[in-house]
Amino acid sequence: MIGEMLANRYEILEKVGDGGMALVYSAKDHLLSRVVAVKILRAQFADDEEFVERFRREARSAASLSHPNIVNIYDVGETDHVHFIVMEFVQGKNLHDLVREHECFSQDIIVNVGKQIAMGLAHAHYHGIIHRDIKPHNILVTDEGRVKVTDFGIAQAMSTTNLTQTGMVLGSVRYFSPEQARGVNVQSASDLYSLGIVLYEMIAGHPPFRGESPIAIALKQIQENPLPLRDSRPDLDGDLEDLVLKLLNKDPKKRPSSAEEVVKVFQRIERRMELQGDGQGGGDQTMPLPAQGKSKGGFGLATRKKRTKNQQKETQKTKTPRRSKGLIILVIL
């Protein structure tokens, strides 16, 4: 693909990402003289006409979103049976890589990142668009510290195909809401649950529920409560802990009422942290990233107490029945 031209406009420069559904390249938009990201569907998906049509429809819907915390979609097209989406090129890293690189984030950074994700979700939900696949891979952080959510609508398109790969399912199910795990229709509260898992992982260094198969993890999403966050972070801010636990409530009606409400809670925590001198807090809409080559401590990171194997194995089970009909669309697969 390198050097090829799509739609007589986009010159493919280099490969920058490789997912189960698509390959991502940087490209030069010769019409507008800018660098963009081009996501090209893998052949097995491009051959599924129903999926391609749903993919286009969802991409066009997501293209209506315009917000600083959402990756912009510029174009959707097809050239010689190559189906592609043209998006804003984000210079930075995804949150998955940042979590792996840093043992622990400072609490002001966690609050800042969570607030920015919630701001993007609030905008999308206001326009009637649910993400359905909030996870660290789909959260990008620019070199300047701006957080951007990507891949709106992709999960909805994926729900129509039987081509989903096990690795893709395993990666997403760690962030599924209980209602997604049951295979029922989801509302915006599902995105909030997934945000809670992302925040839990930033605090503890790992998602709350892990297992060897998608079904094992999905059952935990439905049946089990996460281990207390203070096992990993004894110094954890009480309001931040309360927010994460509320986001992770199994009952969608008991989660925060909206992403906008979550933003307001984060803003209150930031203001208090700033007054108390607990973090950088305040109205800054971006998070500081470490300079290239800096040690793990260059991010304002705190050390995290190592957990014992016994702590990792312990869980507190709810009274939810052990099996649920419709579990799971995801495990077709």
Protein backbone atom coordinates (compact mmCIF):
# COMPACT_ATOMS: atom_id res chain seq x y z
CA MET A 1 0.00 0.00 0.00
CA ILE A 2 2.89 2.39 0.66
CA GLY A 3 3.03 5.01 -2.09
CA GLU A 4 -0.40 4.11 -3.51
CA MET A 5 -3.05 6.78 -4.09
CA LEU A 6 -6.63 6.34 -2.88
CA ALA A 7 -9.46 8.18 -4.62
CA ASN A 8 -6.87 10.22 -6.51
CA ARG A 9 -6.36 12.18 -3.31
CA TYR A 10 -4.78 10.26 -0.42
CA GLU A 11 -1.17 9.15 -0.83
CA ILE A 12 -0.32 6.34 1.59
CA LEU A 13 2.85 7.20 3.53
CA GLU A 14 3.45 4.56 6.20
CA LYS A 15 1.73 1.97 8.33
CA VAL A 16 0.98 3.27 11.81
CA GLY A 17 -1.46 0.71 13.22
CA ASP A 18 -2.65 -2.87 12.84
CA GLY A 19 -6.00 -3.96 14.26
CA GLY A 20 -8.14 -7.03 13.85
CA MET A 21 -10.57 -5.23 11.56
CA ALA A 22 -8.38 -2.78 9.69
CA LEU A 23 -4.91 -1.49 8.95
CA VAL A 24 -4.15 2.15 9.68
CA TYR A 25 -1.81 4.28 7.59
CA SER A 26 -0.69 7.87 7.63
CA ALA A 27 -1.38 9.55 4.31
CA LYS A 28 -0.99 12.87 2.54
CA ASP A 29 -4.25 14.55 1.56
CA HIS A 30 -3.17 16.25 -1.64
CA LEU A 31 -6.37 18.27 -1.93
CA LEU A 32 -6.03 19.98 1.45
CA SER A 33 -2.24 19.52 1.90
CA ARG A 34 -2.43 17.84 5.29
CA VAL A 35 -1.49 14.54 6.89
CA VAL A 36 -4.42 12.29 7.74
CA ALA A 37 -4.97 8.76 9.07
CA VAL A 38 -6.53 6.23 6.69
CA LYS A 39 -8.16 3.10 8.11
CA ILE A 40 -8.43 0.36 5.47
CA LEU A 41 -10.73 -2.61 6.02
CA ARG A 42 -9.17 -6.06 5.91
CA ALA A 43 -10.24 -8.17 2.94
CA GLN A 44 -12.45 -10.56 4.93
CA PHE A 45 -14.58 -7.62 6.09
CA ALA A 46 -14.52 -5.83 2.74
CA ASP A 47 -16.07 -8.95 1.15
CA ASP A 48 -19.07 -8.81 3.49
CA GLU A 49 -21.50 -6.44 1.74
CA GLU A 50 -23.84 -6.14 4.71
CA PHE A 51 -20.97 -5.23 6.99
CA VAL A 52 -19.52 -2.71 4.52
CA GLU A 53 -22.87 -0.92 4.23
CA ARG A 54 -23.27 -0.81 8.02
CA PHE A 55 -19.65 0.30 8.35
CA ARG A 56 -20.22 3.21 5.96
CA ARG A 57 -23.46 4.23 7.66
CA GLU A 58 -21.93 4.23 11.13
CA ALA A 59 -18.85 6.11 9.91
CA ARG A 60 -21.01 8.80 8.31
CA SER A 61 -22.99 9.12 11.52
CA ALA A 62 -19.81 9.48 13.57
CA ALA A 63 -18.52 12.06 11.06
CA SER A 64 -21.25 14.40 12.32
CA LEU A 65 -19.42 14.69 15.65
CA SER A 66 -17.08 17.64 16.08
CA HIS A 67 -15.43 17.96 19.48
CA PRO A 68 -11.85 18.48 20.79
CA ASN A 69 -12.01 15.11 22.59
CA ILE A 70 -13.19 13.09 19.59
CA VAL A 71 -11.12 12.07 16.56
CA ASN A 72 -12.66 13.73 13.52
CA ILE A 73 -13.77 11.64 10.55
CA TYR A 74 -13.17 13.44 7.25
CA ASP A 75 -14.15 10.99 4.53
CA VAL A 76 -15.47 7.49 3.78
CA GLY A 77 -14.78 5.87 0.45
CA GLU A 78 -13.94 2.90 -1.73
CA THR A 79 -11.35 2.49 -4.49
CA ASP A 80 -10.87 -0.78 -6.40
CA HIS A 81 -12.71 -2.72 -3.68
CA VAL A 82 -10.54 -1.08 -0.98
CA HIS A 83 -12.87 0.39 1.66
CA PHE A 84 -11.44 3.12 3.84
CA ILE A 85 -12.15 5.84 6.38
CA VAL A 86 -10.10 9.04 6.45
CA MET A 87 -9.62 10.50 9.93
CA GLU A 88 -7.76 13.15 11.82
CA PHE A 89 -4.13 12.10 12.29
CA VAL A 90 -3.29 12.11 16.00
CA GLN A 91 0.38 12.45 16.89
CA GLY A 92 0.74 10.61 20.17
CA LYS A 93 -0.03 7.26 21.80
CA ASN A 94 -3.07 5.27 22.82
CA LEU A 95 -3.90 4.89 26.48
CA HIS A 96 -3.25 1.14 26.36
CA ASP A 97 0.41 1.76 25.55
CA LEU A 98 0.70 4.50 28.17
CA VAL A 99 -0.73 2.24 30.87
CA ARG A 100 1.81 -0.45 29.94
CA GLU A 101 4.68 2.04 29.97
CA HIS A 102 3.93 3.59 33.36
CA GLU A 103 3.53 1.65 36.57
CA CYS A 104 1.06 4.10 38.00
CA PHE A 105 -0.51 7.45 37.10
CA SER A 106 -0.77 10.34 39.54
CA GLN A 107 -4.33 11.01 40.61
CA ASP A 108 -4.54 14.44 38.97
CA ILE A 109 -3.68 12.83 35.62
CA ILE A 110 -6.33 10.13 36.13
CA VAL A 111 -8.94 12.79 36.86
CA ASN A 112 -7.83 14.87 33.86
CA VAL A 113 -7.94 11.93 31.44
CA GLY A 114 -11.27 10.71 32.79
CA LYS A 115 -12.77 14.19 32.47
CA GLN A 116 -11.66 14.52 28.85
CA ILE A 117 -13.05 11.09 27.90
CA ALA A 118 -16.34 11.97 29.60
CA MET A 119 -16.47 15.29 27.74
CA GLY A 120 -16.17 13.47 24.40
CA LEU A 121 -18.82 10.96 25.43
CA ALA A 122 -21.16 13.73 26.61
CA HIS A 123 -20.98 15.35 23.17
CA ALA A 124 -21.61 12.05 21.37
CA HIS A 125 -24.47 11.03 23.66
CA TYR A 126 -26.10 14.44 23.21
CA HIS A 127 -26.15 13.71 19.48
CA GLY A 128 -27.58 10.23 20.04
CA ILE A 129 -24.38 8.27 19.32
CA ILE A 130 -23.21 5.51 21.68
CA HIS A 131 -19.63 4.32 21.34
CA ARG A 132 -20.07 0.71 22.58
CA ASP A 133 -16.33 -0.04 22.66
CA ILE A 134 -14.66 2.35 25.10
CA LYS A 135 -11.27 0.85 25.94
CA PRO A 136 -7.68 2.12 26.21
CA HIS A 137 -6.91 1.17 22.58
CA ASN A 138 -9.62 3.59 21.46
CA ILE A 139 -8.41 6.49 23.60
CA LEU A 140 -5.59 8.50 22.05
CA VAL A 141 -3.41 11.04 23.84
CA THR A 142 -1.66 13.66 21.75
CA ASP A 143 1.89 14.80 22.41
CA GLU A 144 0.36 17.98 23.86
CA GLY A 145 -1.80 15.97 26.26
CA ARG A 146 -5.18 16.25 24.55
CA VAL A 147 -7.28 13.10 25.00
CA LYS A 148 -9.29 11.98 21.96
CA VAL A 149 -11.78 9.12 21.70
CA THR A 150 -11.76 7.25 18.39
CA ASP A 151 -13.72 4.54 16.54
CA PHE A 152 -17.25 5.72 17.26
CA GLY A 153 -19.75 3.45 15.53
CA ILE A 154 -17.27 0.69 14.71
CA ALA A 155 -18.56 -1.67 17.41
CA GLN A 156 -22.11 -1.20 16.14
CA ALA A 157 -21.00 -2.15 12.63
CA MET A 158 -19.10 -5.16 13.99
CA SER A 159 -22.26 -6.51 15.64
CA THR A 160 -23.65 -7.45 12.22
CA THR A 161 -20.85 -9.78 11.16
CA ASN A 162 -19.73 -13.27 12.15
CA LEU A 163 -16.15 -12.48 11.20
CA THR A 164 -15.10 -11.10 14.56
CA GLN A 165 -11.79 -12.57 15.69
CA THR A 166 -11.26 -14.09 19.12
CA GLY A 167 -8.44 -11.68 19.92
CA MET A 168 -10.66 -8.71 19.14
CA VAL A 169 -13.42 -10.07 21.37
CA LEU A 170 -11.07 -10.86 24.23
CA GLY A 171 -9.64 -7.35 24.06
CA SER A 172 -13.05 -5.67 24.14
CA VAL A 173 -14.85 -7.92 26.65
CA ARG A 174 -12.55 -6.72 29.43
CA TYR A 175 -14.33 -3.37 29.05
CA PHE A 176 -17.86 -4.63 28.28
CA SER A 177 -20.77 -3.58 30.44
CA PRO A 178 -22.89 -6.34 32.02
CA GLU A 179 -25.67 -5.56 29.55
CA GLN A 180 -23.25 -5.99 26.63
CA ALA A 181 -22.09 -9.28 28.12
CA ARG A 182 -25.70 -10.44 28.23
CA GLY A 183 -26.14 -9.50 24.57
CA VAL A 184 -28.97 -7.03 25.12
CA ASN A 185 -29.44 -3.58 23.61
CA VAL A 186 -27.32 -0.94 25.32
CA GLN A 187 -27.80 2.72 26.13
CA SER A 188 -25.34 5.48 26.96
CA ALA A 189 -24.91 4.06 30.48
CA SER A 190 -22.95 1.20 28.90
CA ASP A 191 -20.24 3.64 27.80
CA LEU A 192 -20.07 4.97 31.35
CA TYR A 193 -19.46 1.48 32.74
CA SER A 194 -16.63 1.01 30.24
CA LEU A 195 -15.18 4.36 31.29
CA GLY A 196 -15.23 3.08 34.87
CA ILE A 197 -13.15 0.08 33.83
CA VAL A 198 -10.65 2.31 32.03
CA LEU A 199 -10.31 4.44 35.16
CA TYR A 200 -9.95 1.32 37.33
CA GLU A 201 -7.12 0.14 35.11
CA MET A 202 -5.35 3.51 35.29
CA ILE A 203 -5.55 3.36 39.09
CA ALA A 204 -4.76 -0.34 39.68
CA GLY A 205 -2.62 -1.08 36.63
CA HIS A 206 -5.00 -3.75 35.27
CA PRO A 207 -8.72 -4.14 34.48
CA PRO A 208 -10.94 -5.34 37.34
CA PHE A 209 -11.94 -8.59 35.63
CA ARG A 210 -9.55 -10.97 33.92
CA GLY A 211 -9.85 -14.53 32.60
CA GLU A 212 -8.63 -17.01 30.04
CA SER A 213 -11.62 -16.74 27.70
CA PRO A 214 -14.22 -14.17 26.65
CA ILE A 215 -16.98 -16.15 28.42
CA ALA A 216 -15.03 -16.28 31.68
CA ILE A 217 -14.51 -12.52 31.65
CA ALA A 218 -18.08 -11.80 30.57
CA LEU A 219 -19.46 -13.87 33.46
CA LYS A 220 -17.33 -11.83 35.85
CA GLN A 221 -18.68 -8.60 34.37
CA ILE A 222 -22.19 -9.87 35.13
CA GLN A 223 -21.63 -11.60 38.48
CA GLU A 224 -18.67 -10.20 40.37
CA ASN A 225 -17.67 -7.00 42.10
CA PRO A 226 -14.14 -5.68 41.56
CA LEU A 227 -11.50 -5.87 44.24
CA PRO A 228 -11.30 -2.68 46.33
CA LEU A 229 -9.16 -0.06 44.61
CA ARG A 230 -7.48 0.80 47.89
CA ASP A 231 -5.77 -2.60 47.75
CA SER A 232 -3.74 -1.07 44.93
CA ARG A 233 -3.82 2.59 45.97
CA PRO A 234 -4.20 3.14 49.73
CA ASP A 235 -3.89 6.89 49.15
CA LEU A 236 -6.72 6.96 46.59
CA ASP A 237 -8.93 10.03 46.74
CA GLY A 238 -12.28 9.08 48.27
CA ASP A 239 -14.40 11.00 45.76
CA LEU A 240 -12.52 9.46 42.84
CA GLU A 241 -13.00 5.98 44.29
CA ASP A 242 -16.73 6.64 44.81
CA LEU A 243 -17.11 7.79 41.20
CA VAL A 244 -15.37 4.72 39.77
CA LEU A 245 -17.49 2.38 41.88
CA LYS A 246 -20.67 4.18 40.81
CA LEU A 247 -19.65 3.88 37.16
CA LEU A 248 -19.09 0.14 37.70
CA ASN A 249 -22.52 -0.50 39.20
CA LYS A 250 -24.09 -3.58 37.57
CA ASP A 251 -27.44 -1.76 37.35
CA PRO A 252 -27.33 0.89 34.56
CA LYS A 253 -29.94 2.96 36.42
CA LYS A 254 -27.62 3.28 39.43
CA ARG A 255 -24.70 4.66 37.42
CA PRO A 256 -24.32 8.42 36.92
CA SER A 257 -27.26 9.73 34.92
CA SER A 258 -25.10 11.05 32.08
CA ALA A 259 -21.56 11.65 30.89
CA GLU A 260 -22.15 15.34 31.57
CA GLU A 261 -22.75 14.51 35.23
CA VAL A 262 -19.44 12.60 35.26
CA VAL A 263 -17.65 15.65 33.84
CA LYS A 264 -19.07 17.80 36.65
CA VAL A 265 -17.89 15.33 39.30
CA PHE A 266 -14.38 15.34 37.81
CA GLN A 267 -14.39 19.14 37.78
CA ARG A 268 -15.34 19.24 41.47
CA ILE A 269 -12.55 16.79 42.30
CA GLU A 270 -10.06 18.88 40.29
CA ARG A 271 -11.02 22.09 42.08
CA ARG A 272 -10.66 20.45 45.48
CA MET A 273 -7.32 18.88 44.56
CA GLU A 274 -6.07 22.25 43.40
CA LEU A 275 -7.13 23.95 46.63
CA GLN A 276 -5.59 21.17 48.73
CA GLY A 277 -2.43 21.02 46.65
CA ASP A 278 -3.03 17.31 45.87
CA GLY A 279 -2.44 17.64 42.15
CA GLN A 280 -2.23 20.00 39.25
CA GLY A 281 -6.02 20.00 38.87
CA GLY A 282 -7.87 23.10 37.75
CA GLY A 283 -9.36 23.97 34.43
CA ASP A 284 -6.63 22.64 32.15
CA GLN A 285 -8.24 20.52 29.44
CA THR A 286 -5.11 18.53 28.64
CA MET A 287 -2.78 16.21 30.52
CA PRO A 288 1.01 16.58 30.58
CA LEU A 289 2.94 13.80 28.88
CA PRO A 290 6.51 12.84 29.78
CA ALA A 291 9.26 14.09 27.53
CA GLN A 292 10.80 11.50 25.24
CA GLY A 293 13.41 9.42 27.02
CA LYS A 294 12.33 10.41 30.50
CA SER A 295 12.02 7.85 33.24
CA LYS A 296 8.65 6.59 34.42
CA GLY A 297 8.66 9.22 37.14
CA GLY A 298 8.68 12.11 34.65
CA PHE A 299 4.88 12.08 34.44
CA GLY A 300 4.14 12.95 38.04
CA LEU A 301 3.66 9.23 38.62
CA ALA A 302 3.26 7.64 42.01
CA THR A 303 4.52 4.22 42.97
CA ARG A 304 1.96 1.46 43.28
CA LYS A 305 2.02 -1.16 46.01
CA LYS A 306 2.47 -4.63 44.57
CA ARG A 307 -0.49 -6.90 45.12
CA THR A 308 -0.12 -10.45 46.33
CA LYS A 309 -1.36 -13.40 44.30
CA ASN A 310 -4.03 -14.04 46.92
CA GLN A 311 -5.31 -10.49 46.58
CA GLN A 312 -5.47 -10.88 42.82
CA LYS A 313 -7.54 -14.06 43.10
CA GLU A 314 -10.04 -12.80 45.67
CA THR A 315 -13.38 -11.53 44.39
CA GLN A 316 -16.64 -10.51 45.98
CA LYS A 317 -19.55 -12.10 44.14
CA THR A 318 -22.97 -10.56 43.85
CA LYS A 319 -26.18 -12.58 43.92
CA THR A 320 -26.63 -12.36 40.17
CA PRO A 321 -27.60 -15.77 38.70
CA ARG A 322 -24.67 -17.70 37.32
CA ARG A 323 -25.94 -17.87 33.74
CA SER A 324 -27.76 -15.41 31.55
CA LYS A 325 -29.66 -16.13 28.37
CA GLY A 326 -28.11 -14.52 25.37
CA LEU A 327 -24.58 -14.64 26.79
CA ILE A 328 -22.96 -13.54 24.55
CA ILE A 329 -23.13 -12.41 21.11
CA LEU A 330 -19.45 -11.88 21.50
CA VAL A 331 -18.61 -15.52 21.93
CA ILE A 332 -19.86 -16.72 18.59
CA LEU A 333 -16.90 -16.15 17.43
